[in-house]
N, C-alpha and C. Protein backbone atom coordinates (compact mmCIF):
# COMPACT_ATOMS: atom_id res chain seq x y z
N MET A 1 -4.12 -32.32 -3.90
CA MET A 1 -3.45 -32.21 -5.18
C MET A 1 -3.94 -33.33 -6.09
N ALA A 2 -4.34 -32.99 -7.27
CA ALA A 2 -4.88 -33.96 -8.22
C ALA A 2 -3.74 -34.67 -8.94
N TYR A 3 -3.97 -35.94 -9.23
CA TYR A 3 -2.99 -36.73 -9.97
C TYR A 3 -3.07 -36.36 -11.44
N ARG A 4 -1.95 -36.08 -12.05
CA ARG A 4 -1.91 -35.73 -13.47
C ARG A 4 -1.25 -36.85 -14.25
N LEU A 5 -1.89 -37.22 -15.34
CA LEU A 5 -1.31 -38.23 -16.21
C LEU A 5 -0.13 -37.64 -16.96
N PRO A 6 0.88 -38.46 -17.23
CA PRO A 6 2.00 -37.94 -18.02
C PRO A 6 1.53 -37.61 -19.43
N PRO A 7 2.16 -36.63 -20.07
CA PRO A 7 1.73 -36.30 -21.43
C PRO A 7 1.92 -37.48 -22.36
N ALA A 8 1.01 -37.60 -23.32
CA ALA A 8 1.09 -38.70 -24.28
C ALA A 8 2.34 -38.53 -25.14
N ARG A 9 2.99 -39.64 -25.40
CA ARG A 9 4.16 -39.59 -26.27
C ARG A 9 3.70 -39.35 -27.70
N ARG A 10 4.39 -38.48 -28.36
CA ARG A 10 4.01 -38.16 -29.74
C ARG A 10 4.52 -39.24 -30.67
N THR A 11 3.64 -39.75 -31.50
CA THR A 11 4.02 -40.72 -32.51
C THR A 11 4.43 -39.94 -33.74
N THR A 12 5.60 -40.20 -34.24
CA THR A 12 6.07 -39.43 -35.38
C THR A 12 6.11 -40.26 -36.66
N PHE A 13 5.61 -41.48 -36.60
CA PHE A 13 5.64 -42.35 -37.76
C PHE A 13 4.25 -42.90 -38.05
N VAL A 14 3.99 -43.16 -39.33
CA VAL A 14 2.73 -43.79 -39.73
C VAL A 14 3.04 -44.87 -40.75
N VAL A 15 2.15 -45.85 -40.82
CA VAL A 15 2.26 -46.88 -41.84
C VAL A 15 1.09 -46.71 -42.79
N GLN A 16 1.38 -46.76 -44.08
CA GLN A 16 0.37 -46.61 -45.12
C GLN A 16 0.25 -47.93 -45.86
N ARG A 17 -0.94 -48.42 -45.94
CA ARG A 17 -1.20 -49.67 -46.66
C ARG A 17 -2.33 -49.41 -47.65
N LYS A 18 -2.10 -49.71 -48.91
CA LYS A 18 -3.12 -49.47 -49.93
C LYS A 18 -3.60 -50.81 -50.48
N ARG A 19 -4.91 -50.91 -50.62
CA ARG A 19 -5.50 -52.09 -51.23
C ARG A 19 -5.93 -51.73 -52.64
N THR A 20 -5.71 -52.65 -53.56
CA THR A 20 -6.11 -52.44 -54.95
C THR A 20 -6.90 -53.67 -55.39
N PRO A 21 -7.57 -53.61 -56.54
CA PRO A 21 -8.28 -54.78 -57.03
C PRO A 21 -7.36 -55.99 -57.24
N ALA A 22 -6.10 -55.73 -57.49
CA ALA A 22 -5.15 -56.82 -57.69
C ALA A 22 -4.57 -57.34 -56.37
N GLY A 23 -4.95 -56.74 -55.26
CA GLY A 23 -4.43 -57.16 -53.97
C GLY A 23 -3.72 -56.00 -53.29
N PRO A 24 -3.27 -56.21 -52.06
CA PRO A 24 -2.61 -55.11 -51.34
C PRO A 24 -1.24 -54.80 -51.95
N GLU A 25 -0.91 -53.52 -51.93
CA GLU A 25 0.41 -53.08 -52.35
C GLU A 25 1.34 -53.13 -51.14
N PRO A 26 2.64 -53.07 -51.36
CA PRO A 26 3.56 -53.06 -50.22
C PRO A 26 3.25 -51.87 -49.30
N ALA A 27 3.49 -52.04 -48.04
CA ALA A 27 3.26 -50.97 -47.06
C ALA A 27 4.42 -49.99 -47.09
N PHE A 28 4.14 -48.75 -46.73
CA PHE A 28 5.16 -47.72 -46.64
C PHE A 28 5.15 -47.11 -45.26
N ILE A 29 6.33 -46.81 -44.74
CA ILE A 29 6.47 -46.09 -43.48
C ILE A 29 6.78 -44.64 -43.84
N HIS A 30 6.07 -43.71 -43.20
CA HIS A 30 6.26 -42.28 -43.42
C HIS A 30 6.49 -41.58 -42.09
N LEU A 31 7.08 -40.39 -42.14
CA LEU A 31 7.02 -39.49 -41.01
C LEU A 31 5.60 -38.96 -40.97
N ALA A 32 5.08 -38.67 -39.80
CA ALA A 32 3.67 -38.30 -39.66
C ALA A 32 3.31 -37.03 -40.42
N HIS A 33 4.25 -36.16 -40.68
CA HIS A 33 3.95 -34.91 -41.37
C HIS A 33 4.21 -34.99 -42.89
N CYS A 34 4.49 -36.15 -43.43
CA CYS A 34 4.81 -36.31 -44.85
C CYS A 34 3.61 -35.95 -45.73
N SER A 35 3.88 -35.21 -46.80
CA SER A 35 2.80 -34.82 -47.71
C SER A 35 2.50 -35.89 -48.76
N MET A 36 3.24 -36.97 -48.77
CA MET A 36 3.04 -38.03 -49.76
C MET A 36 2.15 -39.16 -49.25
N ILE A 37 1.61 -39.05 -48.04
CA ILE A 37 0.75 -40.09 -47.47
C ILE A 37 -0.56 -40.12 -48.22
N GLU A 38 -0.98 -41.31 -48.62
CA GLU A 38 -2.26 -41.50 -49.31
C GLU A 38 -3.13 -42.42 -48.47
N GLY A 39 -4.43 -42.22 -48.54
CA GLY A 39 -5.34 -43.10 -47.81
C GLY A 39 -5.36 -42.77 -46.34
N THR A 40 -5.70 -43.77 -45.55
CA THR A 40 -5.79 -43.60 -44.11
C THR A 40 -4.60 -44.28 -43.44
N PRO A 41 -3.62 -43.51 -42.99
CA PRO A 41 -2.46 -44.12 -42.35
C PRO A 41 -2.78 -44.49 -40.90
N HIS A 42 -1.96 -45.36 -40.35
CA HIS A 42 -2.09 -45.78 -38.96
C HIS A 42 -0.83 -45.35 -38.22
N ARG A 43 -1.03 -44.69 -37.10
CA ARG A 43 0.10 -44.22 -36.31
C ARG A 43 0.82 -45.41 -35.66
N ILE A 44 2.15 -45.32 -35.66
CA ILE A 44 2.96 -46.35 -35.00
C ILE A 44 4.08 -45.68 -34.22
N ARG A 45 4.59 -46.38 -33.24
CA ARG A 45 5.69 -45.89 -32.42
C ARG A 45 7.01 -46.07 -33.17
N PRO A 46 8.06 -45.35 -32.77
CA PRO A 46 9.36 -45.50 -33.43
C PRO A 46 9.90 -46.93 -33.41
N ASP A 47 9.69 -47.66 -32.30
CA ASP A 47 10.18 -49.04 -32.24
C ASP A 47 9.41 -49.93 -33.21
N GLU A 48 8.11 -49.65 -33.41
CA GLU A 48 7.32 -50.41 -34.37
C GLU A 48 7.76 -50.09 -35.80
N ALA A 49 8.09 -48.82 -36.06
CA ALA A 49 8.56 -48.43 -37.40
C ALA A 49 9.90 -49.10 -37.70
N ARG A 50 10.79 -49.12 -36.73
CA ARG A 50 12.10 -49.75 -36.92
C ARG A 50 11.93 -51.24 -37.21
N ALA A 51 11.06 -51.91 -36.48
CA ALA A 51 10.83 -53.34 -36.70
C ALA A 51 10.16 -53.58 -38.05
N ALA A 52 9.22 -52.72 -38.43
CA ALA A 52 8.52 -52.89 -39.71
C ALA A 52 9.49 -52.75 -40.88
N LEU A 53 10.46 -51.87 -40.76
CA LEU A 53 11.40 -51.64 -41.86
C LEU A 53 12.35 -52.81 -42.08
N THR A 54 12.36 -53.78 -41.18
CA THR A 54 13.16 -54.99 -41.40
C THR A 54 12.41 -56.01 -42.25
N ASP A 55 11.11 -55.78 -42.45
CA ASP A 55 10.27 -56.66 -43.26
C ASP A 55 10.44 -56.30 -44.74
N PRO A 56 10.73 -57.27 -45.61
CA PRO A 56 10.92 -56.96 -47.03
C PRO A 56 9.64 -56.45 -47.73
N ALA A 57 8.47 -56.65 -47.12
CA ALA A 57 7.22 -56.19 -47.72
C ALA A 57 6.89 -54.76 -47.30
N VAL A 58 7.77 -54.13 -46.53
CA VAL A 58 7.56 -52.76 -46.05
C VAL A 58 8.74 -51.91 -46.52
N ALA A 59 8.43 -50.72 -47.03
CA ALA A 59 9.48 -49.84 -47.54
C ALA A 59 9.36 -48.46 -46.91
N PRO A 60 10.49 -47.77 -46.76
CA PRO A 60 10.41 -46.39 -46.28
C PRO A 60 10.01 -45.46 -47.41
N CYS A 61 9.32 -44.40 -47.10
CA CYS A 61 8.97 -43.38 -48.09
C CYS A 61 10.27 -42.75 -48.58
N THR A 62 10.41 -42.63 -49.90
CA THR A 62 11.63 -42.03 -50.45
C THR A 62 11.59 -40.51 -50.40
N PHE A 63 10.44 -39.94 -50.04
CA PHE A 63 10.30 -38.49 -49.95
C PHE A 63 10.70 -37.99 -48.56
N CYS A 64 10.12 -38.57 -47.50
CA CYS A 64 10.38 -38.08 -46.14
C CYS A 64 11.49 -38.84 -45.42
N ARG A 65 11.87 -40.01 -45.93
CA ARG A 65 12.98 -40.83 -45.43
C ARG A 65 12.92 -41.09 -43.91
N PRO A 66 11.89 -41.81 -43.44
CA PRO A 66 11.80 -42.11 -42.01
C PRO A 66 12.93 -43.00 -41.52
N ASP A 67 13.55 -43.76 -42.42
CA ASP A 67 14.65 -44.63 -42.02
C ASP A 67 15.84 -43.82 -41.50
N THR A 68 16.12 -42.66 -42.08
CA THR A 68 17.21 -41.85 -41.58
C THR A 68 16.87 -41.24 -40.22
N GLY A 69 15.59 -40.91 -40.01
CA GLY A 69 15.17 -40.41 -38.71
C GLY A 69 15.31 -41.45 -37.62
N LEU A 70 15.28 -42.71 -38.01
CA LEU A 70 15.43 -43.82 -37.05
C LEU A 70 16.88 -44.27 -36.91
N GLY A 71 17.77 -43.66 -37.68
CA GLY A 71 19.17 -44.07 -37.63
C GLY A 71 19.47 -45.29 -38.50
N ILE A 72 18.59 -45.58 -39.44
CA ILE A 72 18.76 -46.71 -40.36
C ILE A 72 18.89 -46.12 -41.76
N ASP A 73 19.84 -46.58 -42.55
CA ASP A 73 19.95 -46.10 -43.92
C ASP A 73 19.66 -47.25 -44.85
N LEU A 74 18.46 -47.25 -45.44
CA LEU A 74 18.03 -48.34 -46.31
C LEU A 74 18.14 -48.00 -47.79
N ALA A 75 18.61 -46.81 -48.12
CA ALA A 75 18.68 -46.41 -49.54
C ALA A 75 19.87 -47.01 -50.22
């Protein structure tokens, strides 16, 4: 019998960071399926998203509201 690896956990959150000529803009946390993601997002785990949202330089997307999916209400 062959050993099977457990299925990969699905990451449902991404962080979007945009750089501009004036410097980086604040980062945004999105749900992975959000249509408002711009640029190249980076996948993060739910615990990383929850920790990132405690940083004042990181904001939840107001369209997909990942904070409510995490049980946090930041609005």
